[in-house]
Amino acid sequence: MADIKPVIVPLNGKNYPTWKIQCRMALVKDNLWSIVSETEECPTEREPRRKFIERCDKALAIIVLMIDPKLIYLLGADPTDPVVVWKRLEEQFQRKTWATTFTSKIIFTKAQRRWLYESTYQGTYRNF
């Protein structure tokens, strides 16, 4: 199966809800979302720890490169932690209402189901 190349409009301050879902899906695709969502802990053994740090750097790069350069100042002088960056962006742009929370969960669930469906053979054959 061909590698999926996501096309994501960089975060510009007005498109946060859409950007958040697309960025999360890019991280899910590369098996990095568990780092950003803090469901995966850093291993203590040397080699697994090195690989974990490499994955953290990759997650950070994906997030930062999907932000309009005019907004990079929001991340601080030198961002090094993808979890901190994600939380700063969320604090800056996420509205704290029950409606946005509910809508975001619905959109994310639908996008995730679609992505999973299209990743299966059924989705692949459907495109022929």
Protein backbone atom coordinates (compact mmCIF):
# COMPACT_ATOMS: atom_id res chain seq x y z
CA MET A 1 0.00 0.00 0.00
CA ALA A 2 1.29 3.46 -0.85
CA ASP A 3 2.44 5.77 1.93
CA ILE A 4 -0.21 8.38 2.74
CA LYS A 5 1.10 11.95 2.42
CA PRO A 6 -1.16 14.20 4.49
CA VAL A 7 -1.98 17.64 3.12
CA ILE A 8 -2.50 19.86 6.11
CA VAL A 9 -3.04 23.59 6.05
CA PRO A 10 -0.67 25.11 8.62
CA LEU A 11 -2.19 26.43 11.83
CA ASN A 12 -2.95 30.10 11.24
CA GLY A 13 -4.91 30.94 14.37
CA LYS A 14 -8.35 30.65 12.76
CA ASN A 15 -8.31 27.00 11.73
CA TYR A 16 -7.35 25.35 15.03
CA PRO A 17 -10.23 22.84 15.28
CA THR A 18 -9.54 21.44 11.81
CA TRP A 19 -5.76 21.69 12.18
CA LYS A 20 -5.88 19.84 15.51
CA ILE A 21 -7.70 16.86 14.00
CA GLN A 22 -5.46 16.72 10.93
CA CYS A 23 -2.29 17.06 12.98
CA ARG A 24 -3.47 14.36 15.39
CA MET A 25 -4.17 12.04 12.44
CA ALA A 26 -0.66 12.70 11.05
CA LEU A 27 0.75 11.74 14.46
CA VAL A 28 -1.51 8.65 14.65
CA LYS A 29 -0.38 7.60 11.17
CA ASP A 30 3.26 7.68 12.29
CA ASN A 31 2.48 5.96 15.62
CA LEU A 32 3.44 9.10 17.58
CA TRP A 33 0.12 10.20 19.09
CA SER A 34 0.68 8.09 22.22
CA ILE A 35 3.70 10.28 23.04
CA VAL A 36 1.82 13.57 22.63
CA SER A 37 -1.26 12.28 24.48
CA GLU A 38 1.03 11.04 27.28
CA THR A 39 -0.28 7.47 27.14
CA GLU A 40 3.23 6.16 26.45
CA GLU A 41 5.95 6.63 29.03
CA CYS A 42 9.64 7.00 28.38
CA PRO A 43 11.41 3.65 28.91
CA THR A 44 14.27 3.42 31.38
CA GLU A 45 16.46 1.03 29.37
CA ARG A 46 19.08 2.62 27.15
CA GLU A 47 18.12 1.49 23.62
CA PRO A 48 14.32 1.76 23.99
CA ARG A 49 14.86 5.19 25.60
CA ARG A 50 16.95 6.35 22.63
CA LYS A 51 14.23 5.25 20.20
CA PHE A 52 11.56 6.95 22.32
CA ILE A 53 13.52 10.23 22.25
CA GLU A 54 13.86 9.96 18.47
CA ARG A 55 10.08 9.50 18.20
CA CYS A 56 9.55 12.53 20.50
CA ASP A 57 11.73 14.61 18.19
CA LYS A 58 9.77 13.39 15.17
CA ALA A 59 6.44 14.25 16.84
CA LEU A 60 7.77 17.71 17.73
CA ALA A 61 8.90 18.27 14.14
CA ILE A 62 5.52 17.25 12.73
CA ILE A 63 3.67 19.64 15.04
CA VAL A 64 6.01 22.62 14.65
CA LEU A 65 6.30 22.29 10.87
CA MET A 66 2.49 22.44 10.62
CA ILE A 67 2.34 25.91 12.19
CA ASP A 68 2.41 29.19 10.29
CA PRO A 69 5.82 30.81 10.96
CA LYS A 70 4.04 33.91 12.27
CA LEU A 71 2.79 31.85 15.23
CA ILE A 72 6.04 30.12 16.19
CA TYR A 73 6.61 32.72 18.92
CA LEU A 74 3.77 31.07 20.88
CA LEU A 75 5.96 28.00 21.42
CA GLY A 76 8.69 29.78 23.37
CA ALA A 77 12.34 30.34 22.52
CA ASP A 78 13.31 26.76 21.66
CA PRO A 79 10.57 24.12 21.79
CA THR A 80 11.92 20.71 22.77
CA ASP A 81 8.89 18.79 24.07
CA PRO A 82 5.96 17.85 21.82
CA VAL A 83 3.62 17.51 24.83
CA VAL A 84 4.37 21.06 26.00
CA VAL A 85 3.94 22.44 22.47
CA TRP A 86 0.60 20.65 22.00
CA LYS A 87 -0.70 21.95 25.35
CA ARG A 88 0.43 25.54 24.64
CA LEU A 89 -1.39 25.53 21.32
CA GLU A 90 -4.47 24.03 22.94
CA GLU A 91 -4.44 26.68 25.68
CA GLN A 92 -4.06 29.43 23.11
CA PHE A 93 -6.66 28.33 20.55
CA GLN A 94 -9.08 25.77 22.00
CA ARG A 95 -12.40 27.21 23.10
CA LYS A 96 -13.55 25.74 26.39
CA THR A 97 -17.22 25.03 25.71
CA TRP A 98 -19.10 21.75 25.85
CA ALA A 99 -20.20 22.23 22.23
CA THR A 100 -16.67 22.46 20.83
CA THR A 101 -15.56 19.49 22.91
CA PHE A 102 -18.50 17.39 21.73
CA THR A 103 -18.08 18.45 18.08
CA SER A 104 -14.34 17.79 18.11
CA LYS A 105 -14.87 14.28 19.46
CA ILE A 106 -17.46 13.51 16.79
CA ILE A 107 -15.27 14.84 13.97
CA PHE A 108 -12.20 13.00 15.28
CA THR A 109 -14.10 9.71 15.62
CA LYS A 110 -15.49 9.97 12.09
CA ALA A 111 -12.07 10.87 10.66
CA GLN A 112 -10.42 8.01 12.52
CA ARG A 113 -13.03 5.50 11.33
CA ARG A 114 -12.66 6.71 7.75
CA TRP A 115 -8.88 6.49 7.92
CA LEU A 116 -9.04 2.99 9.39
CA TYR A 117 -11.57 1.89 6.75
CA GLU A 118 -9.47 3.26 3.92
CA SER A 119 -6.41 1.53 5.36
CA THR A 120 -8.08 -1.86 4.98
CA TYR A 121 -8.37 -3.92 1.83
CA GLN A 122 -12.01 -2.94 1.49
CA GLY A 123 -11.08 0.71 1.28
CA THR A 124 -8.27 -0.09 -1.15
CA TYR A 125 -10.49 -2.15 -3.44
CA ARG A 126 -13.28 0.39 -3.25
CA ASN A 127 -10.99 2.92 -4.97
CA PHE A 128 -10.50 0.71 -8.06
